[in-house]
Amino acid sequence: MTQERPRFGDRIEAEVVEIKGNCSWGHTVGQKMDVSCHDTAGVCGMLYHEMFPTLSVLQFGGQYPWGEAGIAEVECPDRYNSVKLRLRRIPNQ
């Protein structure tokens, strides 16, 4: 029996929108996953580490003063094989 984990904050969808070079973890353009501060959803550890601050802002209702509300982009720290993710807040109903 699989126990469902509690969800905190809003749902965040991460979509791979660009890859420069070759992602050694295997991420592909168009890949989508639900991520949270409690669930990496299989995201590469380096990329998850880079996105965590932005993820936590979006998941718990925060806002940046630039860009579209509820959306932010983050990039992998590997500048030779960079993966860009678009994080989108999907408010709980």
N, C-alpha and C. Protein backbone atom coordinates (compact mmCIF):
# COMPACT_ATOMS: atom_id res chain seq x y z
N MET A 1 0.85 -1.18 0.00
CA MET A 1 0.00 0.00 0.00
C MET A 1 0.89 1.24 0.00
N THR A 2 0.62 2.13 -0.92
CA THR A 2 1.38 3.37 -1.00
C THR A 2 0.64 4.46 -0.24
N GLN A 3 1.34 5.08 0.68
CA GLN A 3 0.73 6.15 1.46
C GLN A 3 0.94 7.47 0.75
N GLU A 4 -0.15 8.22 0.58
CA GLU A 4 -0.03 9.53 -0.06
C GLU A 4 0.55 10.52 0.94
N ARG A 5 1.52 11.27 0.48
CA ARG A 5 2.16 12.27 1.34
C ARG A 5 1.32 13.54 1.39
N PRO A 6 1.33 14.22 2.52
CA PRO A 6 0.57 15.47 2.60
C PRO A 6 1.16 16.52 1.66
N ARG A 7 0.30 17.37 1.12
CA ARG A 7 0.74 18.45 0.24
C ARG A 7 0.63 19.76 1.00
N PHE A 8 1.66 20.57 0.87
CA PHE A 8 1.69 21.88 1.51
C PHE A 8 1.85 22.94 0.44
N GLY A 9 1.10 24.01 0.54
CA GLY A 9 1.22 25.09 -0.43
C GLY A 9 0.60 24.72 -1.76
N ASP A 10 0.90 25.53 -2.76
CA ASP A 10 0.35 25.33 -4.10
C ASP A 10 1.14 24.27 -4.85
N ARG A 11 0.50 23.70 -5.85
CA ARG A 11 1.16 22.74 -6.74
C ARG A 11 2.09 23.51 -7.67
N ILE A 12 3.29 22.96 -7.93
CA ILE A 12 4.24 23.58 -8.84
C ILE A 12 4.59 22.59 -9.93
N GLU A 13 4.34 23.01 -11.17
CA GLU A 13 4.71 22.21 -12.32
C GLU A 13 6.03 22.75 -12.88
N ALA A 14 6.99 21.86 -13.08
CA ALA A 14 8.26 22.22 -13.69
C ALA A 14 8.29 21.64 -15.10
N GLU A 15 8.64 22.46 -16.08
CA GLU A 15 8.74 22.00 -17.46
C GLU A 15 10.13 22.34 -17.99
N VAL A 16 10.77 21.36 -18.60
CA VAL A 16 12.06 21.60 -19.24
C VAL A 16 11.79 22.34 -20.55
N VAL A 17 12.28 23.58 -20.64
CA VAL A 17 11.99 24.40 -21.83
C VAL A 17 13.20 24.54 -22.75
N GLU A 18 14.40 24.23 -22.25
CA GLU A 18 15.58 24.36 -23.10
C GLU A 18 16.73 23.55 -22.52
N ILE A 19 17.52 22.96 -23.41
CA ILE A 19 18.74 22.27 -23.01
C ILE A 19 19.85 22.72 -23.95
N LYS A 20 20.93 23.20 -23.37
CA LYS A 20 22.11 23.57 -24.15
C LYS A 20 23.15 22.49 -23.89
N GLY A 21 23.53 21.74 -24.90
CA GLY A 21 24.48 20.66 -24.70
C GLY A 21 23.74 19.36 -24.47
N ASN A 22 24.22 18.58 -23.51
CA ASN A 22 23.68 17.26 -23.23
C ASN A 22 23.45 17.10 -21.74
N CYS A 23 22.22 16.89 -21.33
CA CYS A 23 21.91 16.69 -19.91
C CYS A 23 22.31 15.28 -19.51
N SER A 24 23.29 15.17 -18.63
CA SER A 24 23.78 13.86 -18.20
C SER A 24 22.77 13.10 -17.34
N TRP A 25 21.78 13.80 -16.78
CA TRP A 25 20.76 13.16 -15.95
C TRP A 25 19.63 12.58 -16.80
N GLY A 26 19.53 13.07 -18.05
CA GLY A 26 18.52 12.54 -18.96
C GLY A 26 17.26 13.38 -19.11
N HIS A 27 17.27 14.60 -18.58
CA HIS A 27 16.11 15.47 -18.79
C HIS A 27 15.98 15.77 -20.28
N THR A 28 14.74 15.94 -20.76
CA THR A 28 14.47 16.22 -22.16
C THR A 28 13.53 17.41 -22.28
N VAL A 29 13.66 18.17 -23.36
CA VAL A 29 12.78 19.31 -23.60
C VAL A 29 11.34 18.83 -23.66
N GLY A 30 10.46 19.53 -22.98
CA GLY A 30 9.05 19.18 -22.93
C GLY A 30 8.67 18.32 -21.72
N GLN A 31 9.66 17.77 -21.05
CA GLN A 31 9.39 16.95 -19.86
C GLN A 31 8.73 17.81 -18.79
N LYS A 32 7.68 17.29 -18.17
CA LYS A 32 6.97 17.99 -17.10
C LYS A 32 6.94 17.12 -15.86
N MET A 33 7.02 17.76 -14.70
CA MET A 33 6.94 17.04 -13.44
C MET A 33 6.39 17.96 -12.37
N ASP A 34 5.70 17.39 -11.40
CA ASP A 34 5.24 18.16 -10.24
C ASP A 34 6.33 18.09 -9.18
N VAL A 35 6.83 19.25 -8.79
CA VAL A 35 7.89 19.32 -7.78
C VAL A 35 7.37 20.09 -6.58
N SER A 36 8.03 19.91 -5.45
CA SER A 36 7.68 20.68 -4.26
C SER A 36 8.91 20.74 -3.37
N CYS A 37 8.78 21.48 -2.30
CA CYS A 37 9.87 21.55 -1.33
C CYS A 37 10.08 20.23 -0.61
N HIS A 38 9.13 19.30 -0.77
CA HIS A 38 9.22 17.99 -0.13
C HIS A 38 9.42 16.85 -1.13
N ASP A 39 9.34 17.13 -2.43
CA ASP A 39 9.39 16.08 -3.44
C ASP A 39 10.18 16.56 -4.65
N THR A 40 11.34 15.93 -4.90
CA THR A 40 12.19 16.33 -6.03
C THR A 40 11.66 15.85 -7.37
N ALA A 41 10.75 14.92 -7.38
CA ALA A 41 10.14 14.38 -8.60
C ALA A 41 11.17 13.84 -9.59
N GLY A 42 12.32 13.41 -9.09
CA GLY A 42 13.34 12.84 -9.96
C GLY A 42 14.24 13.86 -10.64
N VAL A 43 14.14 15.11 -10.24
CA VAL A 43 14.98 16.15 -10.82
C VAL A 43 16.42 15.93 -10.37
N CYS A 44 17.36 16.17 -11.25
CA CYS A 44 18.79 16.08 -10.93
C CYS A 44 19.08 16.91 -9.68
N GLY A 45 19.92 16.39 -8.81
CA GLY A 45 20.23 17.07 -7.54
C GLY A 45 20.80 18.45 -7.71
N MET A 46 21.68 18.65 -8.71
CA MET A 46 22.26 19.99 -8.93
C MET A 46 21.19 20.98 -9.38
N LEU A 47 20.30 20.54 -10.27
CA LEU A 47 19.23 21.41 -10.74
C LEU A 47 18.23 21.68 -9.61
N TYR A 48 17.90 20.67 -8.82
CA TYR A 48 16.97 20.86 -7.70
C TYR A 48 17.55 21.86 -6.69
N HIS A 49 18.83 21.74 -6.41
CA HIS A 49 19.49 22.67 -5.48
C HIS A 49 19.39 24.10 -6.01
N GLU A 50 19.55 24.27 -7.29
CA GLU A 50 19.48 25.60 -7.91
C GLU A 50 18.06 26.15 -7.87
N MET A 51 17.06 25.31 -8.06
CA MET A 51 15.68 25.81 -8.14
C MET A 51 14.98 25.94 -6.78
N PHE A 52 15.53 25.33 -5.73
CA PHE A 52 14.82 25.28 -4.45
C PHE A 52 14.38 26.65 -3.91
N PRO A 53 15.24 27.68 -3.91
CA PRO A 53 14.77 28.97 -3.39
C PRO A 53 13.57 29.53 -4.17
N THR A 54 13.61 29.43 -5.48
CA THR A 54 12.51 29.92 -6.32
C THR A 54 11.27 29.05 -6.12
N LEU A 55 11.47 27.75 -6.05
CA LEU A 55 10.38 26.81 -5.82
C LEU A 55 9.65 27.13 -4.53
N SER A 56 10.40 27.39 -3.46
CA SER A 56 9.75 27.65 -2.17
C SER A 56 8.97 28.97 -2.20
N VAL A 57 9.46 29.96 -2.91
CA VAL A 57 8.71 31.22 -3.04
C VAL A 57 7.37 30.96 -3.73
N LEU A 58 7.40 30.27 -4.86
CA LEU A 58 6.18 30.02 -5.61
C LEU A 58 5.22 29.09 -4.87
N GLN A 59 5.74 28.03 -4.27
CA GLN A 59 4.89 27.04 -3.61
C GLN A 59 4.09 27.66 -2.46
N PHE A 60 4.69 28.61 -1.77
CA PHE A 60 4.02 29.18 -0.60
C PHE A 60 3.45 30.58 -0.83
N GLY A 61 3.14 30.88 -2.11
CA GLY A 61 2.37 32.07 -2.44
C GLY A 61 3.17 33.34 -2.65
N GLY A 62 4.49 33.26 -2.67
CA GLY A 62 5.31 34.44 -2.88
C GLY A 62 5.28 34.92 -4.31
N GLN A 63 5.82 36.09 -4.51
CA GLN A 63 5.80 36.72 -5.83
C GLN A 63 7.09 37.48 -6.07
N TYR A 64 7.60 37.41 -7.27
CA TYR A 64 8.74 38.25 -7.66
C TYR A 64 8.21 39.49 -8.35
N PRO A 65 8.91 40.63 -8.25
CA PRO A 65 8.41 41.86 -8.87
C PRO A 65 8.66 41.94 -10.37
N TRP A 66 9.14 40.87 -10.98
CA TRP A 66 9.39 40.86 -12.42
C TRP A 66 8.73 39.63 -13.03
N GLY A 67 8.54 39.67 -14.32
CA GLY A 67 7.98 38.52 -15.03
C GLY A 67 6.50 38.32 -14.76
N GLU A 68 6.01 37.23 -15.32
CA GLU A 68 4.60 36.88 -15.19
C GLU A 68 4.32 36.30 -13.80
N ALA A 69 3.19 36.68 -13.24
CA ALA A 69 2.83 36.20 -11.89
C ALA A 69 2.74 34.69 -11.87
N GLY A 70 3.35 34.07 -10.85
CA GLY A 70 3.26 32.64 -10.65
C GLY A 70 4.16 31.80 -11.55
N ILE A 71 5.06 32.45 -12.30
CA ILE A 71 5.96 31.74 -13.20
C ILE A 71 7.37 32.25 -13.00
N ALA A 72 8.32 31.35 -13.00
CA ALA A 72 9.74 31.73 -12.91
C ALA A 72 10.56 30.69 -13.66
N GLU A 73 11.70 31.12 -14.18
CA GLU A 73 12.60 30.20 -14.86
C GLU A 73 13.90 30.09 -14.08
N VAL A 74 14.44 28.88 -14.05
CA VAL A 74 15.71 28.60 -13.38
C VAL A 74 16.58 27.78 -14.32
N GLU A 75 17.90 27.86 -14.13
CA GLU A 75 18.83 27.11 -14.97
C GLU A 75 19.77 26.27 -14.13
N CYS A 76 20.13 25.15 -14.69
CA CYS A 76 21.12 24.26 -14.11
C CYS A 76 22.45 25.00 -13.95
N PRO A 77 23.22 24.73 -12.90
CA PRO A 77 24.50 25.41 -12.74
C PRO A 77 25.58 24.93 -13.71
N ASP A 78 25.34 23.84 -14.45
CA ASP A 78 26.31 23.36 -15.45
C ASP A 78 26.16 24.23 -16.70
N ARG A 79 27.03 25.20 -16.86
CA ARG A 79 26.90 26.15 -17.97
C ARG A 79 27.25 25.56 -19.33
N TYR A 80 27.89 24.39 -19.36
CA TYR A 80 28.20 23.74 -20.64
C TYR A 80 27.06 22.84 -21.10
N ASN A 81 26.27 22.36 -20.18
CA ASN A 81 25.15 21.47 -20.48
C ASN A 81 23.92 21.93 -19.69
N SER A 82 23.52 23.14 -19.92
CA SER A 82 22.51 23.79 -19.11
C SER A 82 21.09 23.35 -19.45
N VAL A 83 20.32 23.09 -18.40
CA VAL A 83 18.90 22.78 -18.53
C VAL A 83 18.13 23.95 -17.94
N LYS A 84 17.16 24.45 -18.69
CA LYS A 84 16.31 25.55 -18.19
C LYS A 84 14.92 25.00 -17.89
N LEU A 85 14.45 25.30 -16.68
CA LEU A 85 13.11 24.89 -16.25
C LEU A 85 12.21 26.10 -16.10
N ARG A 86 10.96 25.94 -16.47
CA ARG A 86 9.93 26.95 -16.17
C ARG A 86 9.08 26.37 -15.04
N LEU A 87 9.04 27.10 -13.94
CA LEU A 87 8.22 26.71 -12.79
C LEU A 87 6.93 27.49 -12.85
N ARG A 88 5.81 26.77 -12.74
CA ARG A 88 4.49 27.41 -12.82
C ARG A 88 3.68 27.02 -11.60
N ARG A 89 3.20 28.05 -10.89
CA ARG A 89 2.32 27.80 -9.73
C ARG A 89 0.93 27.48 -10.23
N ILE A 90 0.36 26.40 -9.69
CA ILE A 90 -1.02 26.02 -9.98
C ILE A 90 -1.74 26.06 -8.64
N PRO A 91 -2.46 27.15 -8.38
CA PRO A 91 -3.09 27.32 -7.05
C PRO A 91 -4.02 26.17 -6.70
N ASN A 92 -4.01 25.82 -5.42
CA ASN A 92 -4.94 24.79 -4.93
C ASN A 92 -6.36 25.31 -5.02
N GLN A 93 -7.23 24.43 -5.35
CA GLN A 93 -8.65 24.81 -5.51
C GLN A 93 -9.38 24.66 -4.21
